[in-house]
N, C-alpha and C. Protein backbone atom coordinates (compact mmCIF):
# COMPACT_ATOMS: atom_id res chain seq x y z
N MET A 1 11.23 -1.29 24.78
CA MET A 1 10.68 -2.56 24.36
C MET A 1 11.31 -2.96 23.03
N GLU A 2 11.65 -4.19 22.91
CA GLU A 2 12.28 -4.71 21.70
C GLU A 2 11.24 -5.37 20.80
N GLN A 3 11.55 -5.48 19.52
CA GLN A 3 10.66 -6.09 18.53
C GLN A 3 10.16 -7.46 18.97
N ASP A 4 11.04 -8.28 19.53
CA ASP A 4 10.64 -9.64 19.91
C ASP A 4 9.74 -9.67 21.15
N GLN A 5 9.55 -8.51 21.78
CA GLN A 5 8.68 -8.43 22.95
C GLN A 5 7.28 -7.95 22.61
N LEU A 6 7.04 -7.59 21.36
CA LEU A 6 5.73 -7.10 20.95
C LEU A 6 4.75 -8.26 20.79
N ASP A 7 3.52 -8.03 21.26
CA ASP A 7 2.50 -9.04 21.00
C ASP A 7 2.03 -8.88 19.55
N ALA A 8 1.37 -9.89 19.04
CA ALA A 8 0.97 -9.92 17.63
C ALA A 8 0.06 -8.74 17.26
N THR A 9 -0.85 -8.38 18.14
CA THR A 9 -1.76 -7.27 17.86
C THR A 9 -1.01 -5.95 17.75
N THR A 10 -0.10 -5.71 18.67
CA THR A 10 0.68 -4.47 18.63
C THR A 10 1.55 -4.43 17.39
N GLN A 11 2.17 -5.54 17.03
CA GLN A 11 2.99 -5.58 15.83
C GLN A 11 2.15 -5.28 14.60
N THR A 12 0.97 -5.88 14.52
CA THR A 12 0.07 -5.62 13.39
C THR A 12 -0.32 -4.15 13.34
N GLU A 13 -0.61 -3.56 14.49
CA GLU A 13 -0.98 -2.15 14.54
C GLU A 13 0.17 -1.25 14.09
N LEU A 14 1.38 -1.57 14.50
CA LEU A 14 2.54 -0.79 14.07
C LEU A 14 2.78 -0.92 12.57
N GLU A 15 2.66 -2.14 12.06
CA GLU A 15 2.83 -2.36 10.62
C GLU A 15 1.75 -1.63 9.84
N ALA A 16 0.52 -1.65 10.33
CA ALA A 16 -0.57 -0.94 9.66
C ALA A 16 -0.32 0.56 9.66
N ALA A 17 0.17 1.10 10.78
CA ALA A 17 0.48 2.53 10.85
C ALA A 17 1.59 2.90 9.87
N ALA A 18 2.61 2.05 9.77
CA ALA A 18 3.70 2.31 8.83
C ALA A 18 3.18 2.27 7.39
N PHE A 19 2.30 1.31 7.08
CA PHE A 19 1.73 1.22 5.74
C PHE A 19 0.90 2.46 5.42
N ARG A 20 0.09 2.91 6.38
CA ARG A 20 -0.72 4.12 6.15
C ARG A 20 0.19 5.33 5.92
N ARG A 21 1.28 5.40 6.65
CA ARG A 21 2.22 6.51 6.47
C ARG A 21 2.90 6.44 5.10
N LEU A 22 3.26 5.23 4.66
CA LEU A 22 3.83 5.07 3.32
C LEU A 22 2.83 5.52 2.26
N LEU A 23 1.56 5.11 2.39
CA LEU A 23 0.55 5.53 1.42
C LEU A 23 0.41 7.05 1.41
N SER A 24 0.37 7.65 2.57
CA SER A 24 0.25 9.10 2.66
C SER A 24 1.44 9.78 1.99
N HIS A 25 2.62 9.27 2.25
CA HIS A 25 3.83 9.83 1.65
C HIS A 25 3.78 9.73 0.12
N LEU A 26 3.40 8.58 -0.40
CA LEU A 26 3.33 8.40 -1.85
C LEU A 26 2.24 9.28 -2.46
N ARG A 27 1.13 9.47 -1.75
CA ARG A 27 0.06 10.33 -2.26
C ARG A 27 0.50 11.78 -2.31
N GLN A 28 1.34 12.20 -1.38
CA GLN A 28 1.83 13.57 -1.34
C GLN A 28 2.92 13.82 -2.38
N HIS A 29 3.57 12.76 -2.82
CA HIS A 29 4.69 12.90 -3.76
C HIS A 29 4.35 12.25 -5.10
N THR A 30 3.34 12.83 -5.74
CA THR A 30 2.91 12.30 -7.03
C THR A 30 3.94 12.52 -8.12
N GLU A 31 4.93 13.38 -7.85
CA GLU A 31 5.99 13.59 -8.84
C GLU A 31 6.87 12.35 -8.99
N VAL A 32 6.84 11.50 -7.99
CA VAL A 32 7.61 10.25 -8.05
C VAL A 32 6.79 9.25 -8.87
N GLN A 33 7.31 8.92 -10.02
CA GLN A 33 6.61 8.03 -10.92
C GLN A 33 6.82 6.56 -10.52
N ASN A 34 5.86 5.73 -10.89
CA ASN A 34 5.96 4.31 -10.58
C ASN A 34 7.23 3.68 -11.15
N ILE A 35 7.63 4.10 -12.35
CA ILE A 35 8.83 3.53 -12.95
C ILE A 35 10.06 3.87 -12.10
N ASP A 36 10.08 5.08 -11.51
CA ASP A 36 11.18 5.46 -10.63
C ASP A 36 11.23 4.55 -9.41
N LEU A 37 10.07 4.27 -8.83
CA LEU A 37 10.00 3.37 -7.69
C LEU A 37 10.48 1.97 -8.07
N MET A 38 10.06 1.50 -9.23
CA MET A 38 10.44 0.15 -9.67
C MET A 38 11.96 0.06 -9.85
N ILE A 39 12.55 1.08 -10.44
CA ILE A 39 13.99 1.06 -10.68
C ILE A 39 14.76 1.09 -9.35
N LEU A 40 14.33 1.94 -8.44
CA LEU A 40 15.07 2.13 -7.19
C LEU A 40 14.71 1.12 -6.11
N ALA A 41 13.42 0.76 -6.03
CA ALA A 41 12.98 -0.04 -4.88
C ALA A 41 12.43 -1.40 -5.26
N ASP A 42 12.27 -1.66 -6.55
CA ASP A 42 11.74 -2.92 -7.05
C ASP A 42 10.28 -3.17 -6.64
N PHE A 43 9.55 -2.07 -6.40
CA PHE A 43 8.10 -2.14 -6.20
C PHE A 43 7.55 -0.76 -6.53
N CYS A 44 6.23 -0.70 -6.75
CA CYS A 44 5.59 0.58 -7.05
C CYS A 44 4.20 0.61 -6.43
N ARG A 45 3.48 1.65 -6.70
CA ARG A 45 2.13 1.78 -6.17
C ARG A 45 1.24 0.62 -6.63
N ASN A 46 1.42 0.20 -7.88
CA ASN A 46 0.62 -0.91 -8.38
C ASN A 46 0.95 -2.20 -7.64
N CYS A 47 2.21 -2.40 -7.30
CA CYS A 47 2.60 -3.57 -6.49
C CYS A 47 1.89 -3.51 -5.15
N LEU A 48 1.91 -2.35 -4.51
CA LEU A 48 1.25 -2.21 -3.21
C LEU A 48 -0.24 -2.53 -3.32
N SER A 49 -0.87 -2.05 -4.39
CA SER A 49 -2.30 -2.33 -4.54
C SER A 49 -2.54 -3.82 -4.80
N ASN A 50 -1.65 -4.46 -5.53
CA ASN A 50 -1.77 -5.91 -5.75
C ASN A 50 -1.61 -6.67 -4.44
N TRP A 51 -0.64 -6.25 -3.61
CA TRP A 51 -0.42 -6.92 -2.33
C TRP A 51 -1.62 -6.71 -1.41
N TYR A 52 -2.19 -5.52 -1.46
CA TYR A 52 -3.38 -5.21 -0.66
C TYR A 52 -4.55 -6.10 -1.10
N GLN A 53 -4.73 -6.22 -2.40
CA GLN A 53 -5.78 -7.08 -2.95
C GLN A 53 -5.53 -8.54 -2.57
N ASP A 54 -4.30 -8.99 -2.66
CA ASP A 54 -3.95 -10.36 -2.27
C ASP A 54 -4.29 -10.62 -0.80
N ALA A 55 -3.96 -9.66 0.07
CA ALA A 55 -4.24 -9.81 1.49
C ALA A 55 -5.74 -9.91 1.74
N ALA A 56 -6.51 -9.13 1.01
CA ALA A 56 -7.97 -9.20 1.15
C ALA A 56 -8.48 -10.57 0.71
N GLU A 57 -7.99 -11.04 -0.43
CA GLU A 57 -8.43 -12.34 -0.95
C GLU A 57 -8.05 -13.47 -0.01
N GLU A 58 -6.88 -13.38 0.64
CA GLU A 58 -6.47 -14.40 1.61
C GLU A 58 -7.43 -14.50 2.78
N ARG A 59 -8.15 -13.40 3.04
CA ARG A 59 -9.11 -13.36 4.13
C ARG A 59 -10.54 -13.55 3.64
N GLY A 60 -10.68 -13.94 2.38
CA GLY A 60 -12.01 -14.19 1.83
C GLY A 60 -12.79 -12.93 1.49
N ILE A 61 -12.08 -11.82 1.33
CA ILE A 61 -12.71 -10.54 1.01
C ILE A 61 -12.53 -10.26 -0.47
N ALA A 62 -13.64 -10.10 -1.17
CA ALA A 62 -13.57 -9.78 -2.59
C ALA A 62 -13.27 -8.29 -2.74
N LEU A 63 -12.13 -7.98 -3.33
CA LEU A 63 -11.72 -6.60 -3.54
C LEU A 63 -11.23 -6.49 -4.98
N SER A 64 -11.85 -5.61 -5.73
CA SER A 64 -11.48 -5.47 -7.13
C SER A 64 -10.12 -4.77 -7.26
N LYS A 65 -9.51 -4.97 -8.40
CA LYS A 65 -8.23 -4.32 -8.69
C LYS A 65 -8.39 -2.80 -8.62
N ASP A 66 -9.51 -2.30 -9.16
CA ASP A 66 -9.75 -0.86 -9.14
C ASP A 66 -9.90 -0.34 -7.72
N ALA A 67 -10.61 -1.08 -6.87
CA ALA A 67 -10.80 -0.66 -5.47
C ALA A 67 -9.47 -0.67 -4.72
N ALA A 68 -8.65 -1.68 -4.97
CA ALA A 68 -7.34 -1.76 -4.32
C ALA A 68 -6.45 -0.60 -4.78
N ARG A 69 -6.47 -0.30 -6.06
CA ARG A 69 -5.67 0.82 -6.56
C ARG A 69 -6.16 2.14 -5.99
N GLU A 70 -7.48 2.30 -5.90
CA GLU A 70 -8.02 3.54 -5.35
C GLU A 70 -7.58 3.71 -3.90
N HIS A 71 -7.51 2.62 -3.17
CA HIS A 71 -7.05 2.70 -1.78
C HIS A 71 -5.60 3.16 -1.72
N VAL A 72 -4.77 2.63 -2.56
CA VAL A 72 -3.34 2.99 -2.56
C VAL A 72 -3.13 4.40 -3.11
N TYR A 73 -3.77 4.72 -4.20
CA TYR A 73 -3.57 6.02 -4.85
C TYR A 73 -4.33 7.15 -4.17
N GLY A 74 -5.37 6.82 -3.39
CA GLY A 74 -6.17 7.84 -2.74
C GLY A 74 -7.18 8.49 -3.66
N MET A 75 -7.36 7.91 -4.83
CA MET A 75 -8.31 8.40 -5.82
C MET A 75 -8.42 7.33 -6.90
N PRO A 76 -9.45 7.41 -7.74
CA PRO A 76 -9.53 6.44 -8.83
C PRO A 76 -8.26 6.47 -9.68
N TYR A 77 -7.81 5.30 -10.11
CA TYR A 77 -6.55 5.18 -10.84
C TYR A 77 -6.54 6.04 -12.11
N ASP A 78 -7.64 6.03 -12.86
CA ASP A 78 -7.70 6.84 -14.08
C ASP A 78 -7.54 8.32 -13.79
N GLU A 79 -8.09 8.76 -12.67
CA GLU A 79 -7.93 10.16 -12.26
C GLU A 79 -6.47 10.45 -11.93
N TRP A 80 -5.81 9.54 -11.23
CA TRP A 80 -4.41 9.73 -10.88
C TRP A 80 -3.55 9.79 -12.14
N LYS A 81 -3.83 8.89 -13.12
CA LYS A 81 -3.04 8.88 -14.35
C LYS A 81 -3.16 10.19 -15.11
N ALA A 82 -4.35 10.79 -15.06
CA ALA A 82 -4.59 12.05 -15.78
C ALA A 82 -3.81 13.17 -15.13
């Protein structure tokens, strides 16, 4: 099956699975600092949390910055920084 043959629901499910895998990968590799990601990829964990928060707001869901970061980091942001 080719990308252009996927229905919207399947595409969304695949994208969601890839996003969850990216989050899992970043959570397992805490040695990779956000500044390293920014230099190499032009985004970081904070960018992902901002995009997640933006997506929630686009759907009328109130999601705090802290809650979005906790989702991306897998723990409260202050705990991750420590």
